[in-house]
N, C-alpha and C. Protein backbone atom coordinates (compact mmCIF):
# COMPACT_ATOMS: atom_id res chain seq x y z
N MET A 1 0.90 -1.19 -0.07
CA MET A 1 0.02 0.08 -0.01
C MET A 1 0.92 1.22 0.00
N PRO A 2 0.49 2.20 -0.75
CA PRO A 2 1.28 3.47 -0.85
C PRO A 2 1.40 4.17 0.54
N ARG A 3 2.38 4.94 0.74
CA ARG A 3 2.43 5.69 1.98
C ARG A 3 1.49 6.89 1.86
N ASP A 4 1.16 7.42 2.99
CA ASP A 4 0.13 8.61 3.14
C ASP A 4 0.68 9.70 2.24
N ARG A 5 1.93 10.01 2.39
CA ARG A 5 2.35 11.23 1.61
C ARG A 5 2.15 11.04 0.10
N SER A 6 2.39 9.85 -0.47
CA SER A 6 2.24 9.65 -1.74
C SER A 6 0.76 9.64 -2.25
N ILE A 7 -0.16 9.27 -1.43
CA ILE A 7 -1.61 9.35 -1.64
C ILE A 7 -2.12 10.78 -1.80
N TYR A 8 -1.46 11.67 -0.96
CA TYR A 8 -2.15 13.03 -0.85
C TYR A 8 -1.11 14.12 -1.44
N CYS A 9 -0.34 13.80 -2.47
CA CYS A 9 0.62 14.69 -3.02
C CYS A 9 -0.22 15.61 -4.04
N GLU A 10 0.44 16.60 -4.56
CA GLU A 10 -0.38 17.59 -5.44
C GLU A 10 -0.10 17.28 -6.86
N ARG A 11 0.63 16.30 -7.23
CA ARG A 11 0.78 15.97 -8.66
C ARG A 11 -0.34 15.25 -9.17
N ILE A 12 -0.40 15.25 -10.55
CA ILE A 12 -1.50 14.45 -11.22
C ILE A 12 -1.32 12.95 -10.89
N ALA A 13 -2.51 12.40 -10.56
CA ALA A 13 -2.49 10.99 -10.06
C ALA A 13 -2.24 10.02 -11.37
N PRO A 14 -1.65 8.93 -11.16
CA PRO A 14 -1.38 7.96 -12.06
C PRO A 14 -2.61 7.50 -12.77
N GLY A 15 -2.79 7.48 -14.18
CA GLY A 15 -3.86 7.18 -14.80
C GLY A 15 -5.01 8.18 -14.89
N GLU A 16 -4.68 9.44 -14.41
CA GLU A 16 -5.61 10.54 -14.44
C GLU A 16 -5.09 11.65 -15.31
N LYS A 17 -5.98 12.46 -15.86
CA LYS A 17 -5.57 13.60 -16.73
C LYS A 17 -5.62 14.87 -15.97
N GLU A 18 -6.49 15.09 -15.05
CA GLU A 18 -6.52 16.34 -14.30
C GLU A 18 -6.49 16.25 -12.75
N LYS A 19 -7.03 15.06 -12.28
CA LYS A 19 -7.14 14.95 -10.80
C LYS A 19 -5.76 14.65 -10.14
N THR A 20 -5.57 15.33 -8.93
CA THR A 20 -4.39 15.16 -8.22
C THR A 20 -4.34 13.90 -7.36
N CYS A 21 -3.33 13.48 -6.80
CA CYS A 21 -3.18 12.42 -5.89
C CYS A 21 -4.11 12.73 -4.69
N ARG A 22 -3.97 13.89 -4.19
CA ARG A 22 -4.93 14.37 -3.09
C ARG A 22 -6.41 14.00 -3.30
N GLU A 23 -6.87 14.38 -4.54
CA GLU A 23 -8.34 14.12 -4.82
C GLU A 23 -8.49 12.71 -4.97
N THR A 24 -7.77 11.94 -5.52
CA THR A 24 -8.04 10.49 -5.78
C THR A 24 -7.67 9.78 -4.60
N GLY A 25 -6.72 10.16 -3.75
CA GLY A 25 -6.44 9.53 -2.51
C GLY A 25 -7.58 9.65 -1.49
N ALA A 26 -8.09 10.77 -1.50
CA ALA A 26 -9.31 11.04 -0.44
C ALA A 26 -10.41 10.12 -0.87
N ARG A 27 -10.77 10.02 -2.12
CA ARG A 27 -11.89 9.16 -2.61
C ARG A 27 -11.57 7.71 -2.31
N MET A 28 -10.30 7.35 -2.51
CA MET A 28 -9.97 5.97 -2.28
C MET A 28 -10.08 5.51 -0.87
N VAL A 29 -9.75 6.39 0.02
CA VAL A 29 -9.81 6.17 1.48
C VAL A 29 -11.32 6.11 1.89
N PHE A 30 -12.16 6.91 1.46
CA PHE A 30 -13.56 6.94 1.64
C PHE A 30 -14.18 5.70 1.09
N GLU A 31 -13.84 5.23 -0.08
CA GLU A 31 -14.41 4.02 -0.64
C GLU A 31 -14.02 2.83 0.17
N LYS A 32 -12.78 2.83 0.75
CA LYS A 32 -12.35 1.70 1.56
C LYS A 32 -13.13 1.62 2.88
N LYS A 33 -13.51 2.77 3.36
CA LYS A 33 -14.28 2.86 4.63
C LYS A 33 -15.66 2.28 4.29
N LEU A 34 -16.26 2.66 3.20
CA LEU A 34 -17.55 2.03 2.82
C LEU A 34 -17.54 0.45 2.68
N GLN A 35 -16.41 0.08 2.09
CA GLN A 35 -16.37 -1.43 1.86
C GLN A 35 -16.13 -2.17 3.29
N ASP A 36 -15.34 -1.59 4.10
CA ASP A 36 -14.85 -2.16 5.38
C ASP A 36 -15.81 -1.92 6.65
N GLU A 37 -16.43 -1.05 6.59
CA GLU A 37 -17.12 -0.64 7.85
C GLU A 37 -18.71 -0.48 7.54
N ALA A 38 -19.41 -1.29 8.23
CA ALA A 38 -20.95 -1.17 8.13
C ALA A 38 -21.56 0.18 8.55
N THR A 39 -20.98 0.81 9.45
CA THR A 39 -21.36 1.99 10.05
C THR A 39 -21.49 3.04 8.82
N TRP A 40 -20.40 3.10 8.08
CA TRP A 40 -20.26 4.00 6.94
C TRP A 40 -21.22 3.62 5.83
N LYS A 41 -21.44 2.32 5.52
CA LYS A 41 -22.55 2.01 4.63
C LYS A 41 -23.97 2.43 4.93
N PHE A 42 -24.35 2.29 6.21
CA PHE A 42 -25.68 2.57 6.63
C PHE A 42 -25.72 4.27 6.68
N TYR A 43 -24.70 4.85 7.02
CA TYR A 43 -24.60 6.33 7.03
C TYR A 43 -24.92 6.83 5.61
N LYS A 44 -24.05 6.42 4.74
CA LYS A 44 -24.17 6.89 3.32
C LYS A 44 -25.55 6.65 2.68
N ARG A 45 -26.09 5.40 2.97
CA ARG A 45 -27.44 5.03 2.57
C ARG A 45 -28.45 6.17 3.05
N ALA A 46 -28.41 6.31 4.33
CA ALA A 46 -29.36 7.26 5.00
C ALA A 46 -29.08 8.63 4.45
N TYR A 47 -27.89 9.00 4.39
CA TYR A 47 -27.67 10.48 3.90
C TYR A 47 -28.25 10.62 2.53
N LYS A 48 -28.04 9.68 1.56
CA LYS A 48 -28.61 9.78 0.26
C LYS A 48 -30.12 9.95 0.39
N LYS A 49 -30.75 9.21 1.13
CA LYS A 49 -32.16 9.19 1.37
C LYS A 49 -32.72 10.59 1.89
N TYR A 50 -32.01 11.15 2.80
CA TYR A 50 -32.40 12.41 3.35
C TYR A 50 -32.21 13.55 2.42
N TYR A 51 -30.88 13.42 1.76
CA TYR A 51 -30.58 14.50 0.71
C TYR A 51 -31.61 14.51 -0.39
N ALA A 52 -32.11 13.34 -0.84
CA ALA A 52 -33.09 13.42 -1.92
C ALA A 52 -34.38 14.09 -1.37
N ARG A 53 -34.65 13.83 -0.07
CA ARG A 53 -35.88 14.57 0.39
C ARG A 53 -35.70 16.07 0.51
N TYR A 54 -34.58 16.50 0.78
CA TYR A 54 -34.11 17.89 0.83
C TYR A 54 -34.26 18.40 -0.60
N MET A 55 -33.69 17.71 -1.61
CA MET A 55 -33.72 18.20 -2.88
C MET A 55 -35.03 18.33 -3.54
N LYS A 56 -35.95 17.40 -3.14
CA LYS A 56 -37.39 17.46 -3.63
C LYS A 56 -38.22 18.38 -3.06
N GLY A 57 -37.68 19.08 -1.91
CA GLY A 57 -38.52 20.02 -1.18
C GLY A 57 -39.27 19.52 -0.07
N ASN A 58 -39.20 18.22 0.17
CA ASN A 58 -39.94 17.67 1.30
C ASN A 58 -39.28 17.81 2.77
N MET A 59 -38.12 18.46 2.66
CA MET A 59 -37.40 18.78 3.80
C MET A 59 -36.57 20.04 3.78
N SER A 60 -36.66 20.95 4.81
CA SER A 60 -36.05 22.23 4.55
C SER A 60 -34.57 22.03 4.96
N GLN A 61 -33.77 23.07 4.44
CA GLN A 61 -32.40 23.02 4.59
C GLN A 61 -32.01 22.90 6.00
N ALA A 62 -32.62 23.58 6.91
CA ALA A 62 -32.33 23.57 8.34
C ALA A 62 -32.62 22.16 9.01
N GLU A 63 -33.75 21.51 8.45
CA GLU A 63 -34.04 20.11 8.88
C GLU A 63 -33.01 19.10 8.46
N PHE A 64 -32.55 19.32 7.09
CA PHE A 64 -31.52 18.45 6.67
C PHE A 64 -30.07 18.61 7.44
N LYS A 65 -29.84 19.85 7.69
CA LYS A 65 -28.50 20.13 8.34
C LYS A 65 -28.63 19.62 9.83
N ALA A 66 -29.73 19.77 10.40
CA ALA A 66 -29.94 19.16 11.88
C ALA A 66 -29.73 17.62 11.79
N TRP A 67 -30.43 17.02 10.80
CA TRP A 67 -30.32 15.58 10.67
C TRP A 67 -28.96 15.11 10.43
N GLY A 68 -28.26 15.91 9.54
CA GLY A 68 -26.78 15.53 9.22
C GLY A 68 -26.02 15.50 10.36
N GLU A 69 -26.02 16.67 11.20
CA GLU A 69 -25.17 16.70 12.41
C GLU A 69 -25.62 15.56 13.34
N ARG A 70 -26.87 15.26 13.47
CA ARG A 70 -27.15 14.22 14.49
C ARG A 70 -26.69 12.88 14.00
N ALA A 71 -26.80 12.65 12.61
CA ALA A 71 -26.54 11.39 12.05
C ALA A 71 -25.00 11.28 12.09
N ALA A 72 -24.14 12.20 11.89
CA ALA A 72 -22.80 12.05 11.97
C ALA A 72 -22.30 11.79 13.38
N ALA A 73 -22.95 12.39 14.29
CA ALA A 73 -22.71 12.07 15.75
C ALA A 73 -23.00 10.54 16.07
N GLU A 74 -24.15 10.22 15.65
CA GLU A 74 -24.58 8.83 15.94
C GLU A 74 -23.66 7.79 15.31
N ARG A 75 -23.15 8.14 14.09
CA ARG A 75 -22.23 7.25 13.27
C ARG A 75 -20.96 7.27 14.07
N ASP A 76 -20.47 8.40 14.54
CA ASP A 76 -19.15 8.35 15.20
C ASP A 76 -19.30 7.67 16.66
N ALA A 77 -20.39 7.83 17.27
CA ALA A 77 -20.59 7.16 18.58
C ALA A 77 -20.54 5.74 18.39
N ALA A 78 -21.20 5.14 17.27
CA ALA A 78 -21.25 3.75 16.95
C ALA A 78 -19.97 3.24 16.63
N ILE A 79 -19.13 3.96 16.01
CA ILE A 79 -17.81 3.57 15.61
C ILE A 79 -16.93 3.42 16.87
N GLU A 80 -16.95 4.35 17.84
CA GLU A 80 -16.32 4.25 18.96
C GLU A 80 -16.86 2.93 19.91
N ARG A 81 -18.05 2.80 19.92
CA ARG A 81 -18.55 1.57 20.65
C ARG A 81 -18.04 0.30 20.01
N LEU A 82 -18.07 0.30 18.67
CA LEU A 82 -17.57 -1.02 17.97
C LEU A 82 -16.04 -1.20 18.23
N ARG A 83 -15.31 -0.13 18.39
CA ARG A 83 -13.93 -0.33 18.65
C ARG A 83 -13.70 -0.88 20.03
N GLU A 84 -14.54 -0.64 21.01
CA GLU A 84 -14.45 -1.04 22.43
C GLU A 84 -14.95 -2.50 22.49
N THR A 85 -15.65 -2.95 21.82
CA THR A 85 -16.24 -4.40 21.96
C THR A 85 -15.53 -5.32 21.13
N ALA A 86 -15.59 -6.63 21.46
CA ALA A 86 -15.12 -7.73 20.62
C ALA A 86 -16.23 -8.72 20.56
N ASP A 87 -17.33 -8.51 21.22
CA ASP A 87 -18.48 -9.41 21.16
C ASP A 87 -19.37 -9.38 19.89
N ALA A 88 -19.46 -10.32 19.16
CA ALA A 88 -20.21 -10.17 17.81
C ALA A 88 -21.67 -9.76 18.04
N ALA A 89 -22.24 -10.39 19.09
CA ALA A 89 -23.65 -10.13 19.26
C ALA A 89 -23.87 -8.64 19.55
N LEU A 90 -22.95 -8.08 20.38
CA LEU A 90 -23.02 -6.71 20.85
C LEU A 90 -22.77 -5.79 19.65
N SER A 91 -21.76 -6.21 18.89
CA SER A 91 -21.59 -5.39 17.59
C SER A 91 -22.81 -5.43 16.69
N ALA A 92 -23.46 -6.49 16.48
CA ALA A 92 -24.68 -6.56 15.64
C ALA A 92 -25.75 -5.55 16.12
N SER A 93 -25.88 -5.68 17.44
CA SER A 93 -26.80 -4.81 18.17
C SER A 93 -26.53 -3.21 17.90
N ILE A 94 -25.17 -2.94 18.11
CA ILE A 94 -24.85 -1.56 17.90
C ILE A 94 -25.02 -1.08 16.38
N ILE A 95 -24.80 -1.94 15.42
CA ILE A 95 -25.18 -1.81 14.05
C ILE A 95 -26.61 -1.52 13.81
N GLN A 96 -27.45 -2.33 14.35
CA GLN A 96 -28.84 -2.29 14.22
C GLN A 96 -29.43 -0.99 14.84
N GLN A 97 -28.92 -0.68 16.01
CA GLN A 97 -29.37 0.73 16.66
C GLN A 97 -29.02 1.78 15.74
N LEU A 98 -27.83 1.81 15.19
CA LEU A 98 -27.30 2.92 14.25
C LEU A 98 -28.24 2.93 13.06
N LYS A 99 -28.58 1.76 12.45
CA LYS A 99 -29.52 1.75 11.27
C LYS A 99 -30.74 2.29 11.62
N GLU A 100 -31.37 2.05 12.67
CA GLU A 100 -32.63 2.51 13.13
C GLU A 100 -32.70 3.89 13.42
N GLY A 101 -31.54 4.39 14.05
CA GLY A 101 -31.42 5.70 14.47
C GLY A 101 -31.21 6.61 13.35
N LEU A 102 -30.51 6.31 12.32
CA LEU A 102 -30.41 7.08 11.03
C LEU A 102 -31.56 7.23 10.27
N ASN A 103 -32.41 6.28 10.41
CA ASN A 103 -33.62 6.31 9.58
C ASN A 103 -34.92 7.07 10.22
N ARG A 104 -34.70 7.82 11.32
CA ARG A 104 -35.84 8.40 11.97
C ARG A 104 -35.41 9.98 11.95
N LEU A 105 -36.42 10.65 11.81
CA LEU A 105 -36.28 12.19 11.87
C LEU A 105 -36.05 12.71 13.13
C-alpha cells in the first residue's frame, strides 16, 4: 500500500488527466471505509435518502442540516462503541441501533 504522503501529493495521479493524488487518494480512503465498515455503509445510504428529500423540497435546509449533524454524531458514537467491543452479538446490536437511528427524523 502506498504511503500517506504519496496518496495525498499535489501531482497528477497515475492514470488521471486532471485529478491530483490528493483528490483521488481522499476518494480511495472513503471508498475503503464504505467497503470495510458497516457504519459508513448505513450512514451513506441514509444520507442519500435524506438528501433526496431535501432536494425534492420535502425537507427544509435547516431540517436536513440538523439531521446531518445528528447522524454524523450517531455514526461516530457507534464507531467508538464498536472499537471497544469484541463481542459479535453486541456489535450486531450496535449496528442495528445505528441503522434504526439514522432512519428516523
